[in-house]
């Protein structure tokens, strides 16, 4: 076993520390870069969540404002024909139509035209049959989808 003196140990430590030494300034620069990246990702994520939440809120809040819990009677059902465009041609499509009366504070007659257009009449009829003519069924409706007649 070889004996090492104290001055040799100090010299060896200086040599080792100079080989593996990263300056304080370099370390500080990397910390700043990593912090900036983390903050940027956090702010981007926060913006995405705020935009998505705002969009969903705006869409659903209007339904909440115009929601009217009322009794709705379906008097008759029908369908309307429309011309729908596809990539290469125009085809006939069908929209379900319900003639109803409902109460808000008074009895109101109205027509509801389905927003979706169906390519096949059978699909429109299936949708029409979801709300059948009845004097006893109660349906809850959104006031904003009603077109008065």
Protein backbone atom coordinates (compact mmCIF):
# COMPACT_ATOMS: atom_id res chain seq x y z
CA UNK A 1 0.00 0.00 0.00
CA UNK A 2 1.30 3.36 -1.01
CA UNK A 3 1.19 6.29 1.40
CA UNK A 4 0.02 9.62 0.05
CA UNK A 5 0.91 12.87 1.72
CA UNK A 6 -1.51 15.70 2.39
CA UNK A 7 -0.10 18.02 -0.32
CA UNK A 8 -0.51 15.22 -2.88
CA UNK A 9 -4.16 14.72 -1.83
CA UNK A 10 -4.83 18.45 -2.23
CA UNK A 11 -3.21 18.43 -5.67
CA UNK A 12 -5.26 15.39 -6.74
CA UNK A 13 -8.47 17.06 -5.56
CA UNK A 14 -7.70 20.22 -7.53
CA UNK A 15 -7.02 18.17 -10.66
CA UNK A 16 -10.25 16.15 -10.27
CA UNK A 17 -12.40 19.22 -9.54
CA UNK A 18 -11.01 21.14 -12.54
CA UNK A 19 -11.78 18.21 -14.89
CA UNK A 20 -15.43 17.87 -13.79
CA UNK A 21 -16.10 21.50 -13.05
CA UNK A 22 -19.09 23.24 -14.60
CA UNK A 23 -19.09 26.94 -13.97
CA UNK A 24 -21.75 28.54 -11.82
CA UNK A 25 -22.81 30.76 -14.73
CA UNK A 26 -23.33 27.77 -17.06
CA UNK A 27 -25.37 25.94 -14.43
CA UNK A 28 -27.46 29.08 -13.85
CA UNK A 29 -28.12 29.48 -17.61
CA UNK A 30 -29.42 25.92 -17.85
CA UNK A 31 -31.67 26.42 -14.85
CA UNK A 32 -33.11 29.53 -16.52
CA UNK A 33 -33.69 27.66 -19.82
CA UNK A 34 -35.39 24.71 -18.09
CA UNK A 35 -37.54 27.06 -15.99
CA UNK A 36 -38.57 29.01 -19.09
CA UNK A 37 -39.55 25.80 -20.91
CA UNK A 38 -41.61 24.60 -17.92
CA UNK A 39 -43.39 27.96 -17.61
CA UNK A 40 -44.11 28.04 -21.35
CA UNK A 41 -45.62 24.54 -21.26
CA UNK A 42 -47.69 25.45 -18.21
CA UNK A 43 -49.06 28.63 -19.81
CA UNK A 44 -49.79 26.83 -23.11
CA UNK A 45 -51.69 24.10 -21.24
CA UNK A 46 -53.59 26.67 -19.23
CA UNK A 47 -54.58 28.57 -22.39
CA UNK A 48 -55.77 25.38 -24.08
CA UNK A 49 -57.90 24.48 -21.05
CA UNK A 50 -59.35 28.00 -20.85
CA UNK A 51 -60.23 28.05 -24.55
CA UNK A 52 -61.84 24.59 -24.43
CA UNK A 53 -63.70 25.38 -21.20
CA UNK A 54 -64.89 28.74 -22.52
CA UNK A 55 -66.18 27.14 -25.71
CA UNK A 56 -68.05 24.42 -23.85
CA UNK A 57 -69.42 26.95 -21.35
CA UNK A 58 -70.65 29.30 -24.08
CA UNK A 59 -72.37 26.43 -25.89
CA UNK A 60 -74.04 24.89 -22.83
CA UNK A 61 -74.82 28.09 -20.91
CA UNK A 62 -77.17 29.35 -23.62
CA UNK A 63 -79.15 26.12 -23.27
CA UNK A 64 -79.35 26.66 -19.54
CA UNK A 65 -80.59 30.22 -19.97
CA UNK A 66 -83.33 29.26 -22.43
CA UNK A 67 -84.34 26.01 -20.74
CA UNK A 68 -88.00 25.94 -19.90
CA UNK A 69 -89.43 23.04 -18.00
CA UNK A 70 -92.86 22.75 -19.53
CA UNK A 71 -95.51 20.36 -20.68
CA UNK A 72 -95.24 19.65 -24.39
CA UNK A 73 -97.90 17.92 -26.44
CA UNK A 74 -97.07 16.62 -29.91
CA UNK A 75 -100.09 17.19 -32.19
CA UNK A 76 -98.69 15.96 -35.48
CA UNK A 77 -95.46 14.81 -37.09
CA UNK A 78 -94.14 15.15 -40.60
CA UNK A 79 -90.93 15.56 -42.52
CA UNK A 80 -89.54 18.20 -44.83
CA UNK A 81 -87.50 17.62 -47.93
CA UNK A 82 -84.28 19.55 -48.47
CA UNK A 83 -81.52 19.50 -51.05
CA UNK A 84 -78.25 18.49 -49.45
CA UNK A 85 -74.90 18.87 -51.17
CA UNK A 86 -72.25 16.25 -51.09
CA UNK A 87 -68.84 16.41 -52.73
CA UNK A 88 -70.05 15.62 -56.21
CA UNK A 89 -73.82 16.00 -56.29
CA UNK A 90 -76.99 17.24 -54.68
CA UNK A 91 -79.30 14.71 -53.09
CA UNK A 92 -82.62 14.86 -51.28
CA UNK A 93 -82.49 14.79 -47.51
CA UNK A 94 -85.20 14.79 -44.93
CA UNK A 95 -85.70 16.62 -41.63
CA UNK A 96 -88.19 15.57 -38.96
CA UNK A 97 -90.92 18.09 -38.06
CA UNK A 98 -93.17 18.14 -35.02
CA UNK A 99 -96.18 20.44 -34.49
CA UNK A 100 -96.51 20.92 -30.78
CA UNK A 101 -98.09 23.05 -28.12
CA UNK A 102 -96.40 23.80 -24.84
CA UNK A 103 -96.89 25.95 -21.81
CA UNK A 104 -94.54 28.66 -20.71
CA UNK A 105 -97.04 30.87 -18.95
CA UNK A 106 -99.69 30.33 -21.60
CA UNK A 107 -100.39 27.68 -24.21
CA UNK A 108 -98.15 28.26 -27.25
CA UNK A 109 -98.32 26.47 -30.59
CA UNK A 110 -95.00 25.84 -32.29
CA UNK A 111 -93.17 23.85 -34.90
CA UNK A 112 -89.89 22.08 -34.19
CA UNK A 113 -87.76 21.24 -37.21
CA UNK A 114 -84.97 18.77 -36.57
CA UNK A 115 -81.49 20.19 -36.97
CA UNK A 116 -80.06 17.00 -38.51
CA UNK A 117 -80.83 16.19 -42.12
CA UNK A 118 -81.17 12.52 -42.95
CA UNK A 119 -80.23 11.03 -46.29
CA UNK A 120 -82.88 8.32 -46.03
CA UNK A 121 -86.54 8.88 -45.24
CA UNK A 122 -86.57 5.83 -42.97
CA UNK A 123 -83.96 7.47 -40.71
CA UNK A 124 -86.04 10.66 -40.49
CA UNK A 125 -89.13 8.62 -39.61
CA UNK A 126 -87.19 6.82 -36.85
CA UNK A 127 -86.29 10.21 -35.40
CA UNK A 128 -89.90 11.43 -35.73
CA UNK A 129 -91.13 8.39 -33.80
CA UNK A 130 -88.95 9.26 -30.80
CA UNK A 131 -91.61 11.88 -29.94
CA UNK A 132 -94.97 10.48 -30.97
CA UNK A 133 -98.35 12.14 -31.16
CA UNK A 134 -99.81 11.95 -27.68
CA UNK A 135 -101.95 13.92 -25.32
CA UNK A 136 -100.51 12.26 -22.25
CA UNK A 137 -96.74 12.20 -22.70
CA UNK A 138 -94.77 15.04 -21.23
CA UNK A 139 -91.58 16.17 -22.91
CA UNK A 140 -89.11 18.70 -21.60
CA UNK A 141 -88.04 21.13 -24.31
CA UNK A 142 -85.58 23.93 -24.94
CA UNK A 143 -87.35 27.15 -25.81
CA UNK A 144 -84.52 28.17 -28.17
CA UNK A 145 -85.21 25.37 -30.69
CA UNK A 146 -88.82 26.33 -31.28
CA UNK A 147 -90.08 28.10 -34.36
CA UNK A 148 -93.58 29.44 -33.81
CA UNK A 149 -96.27 29.03 -36.45
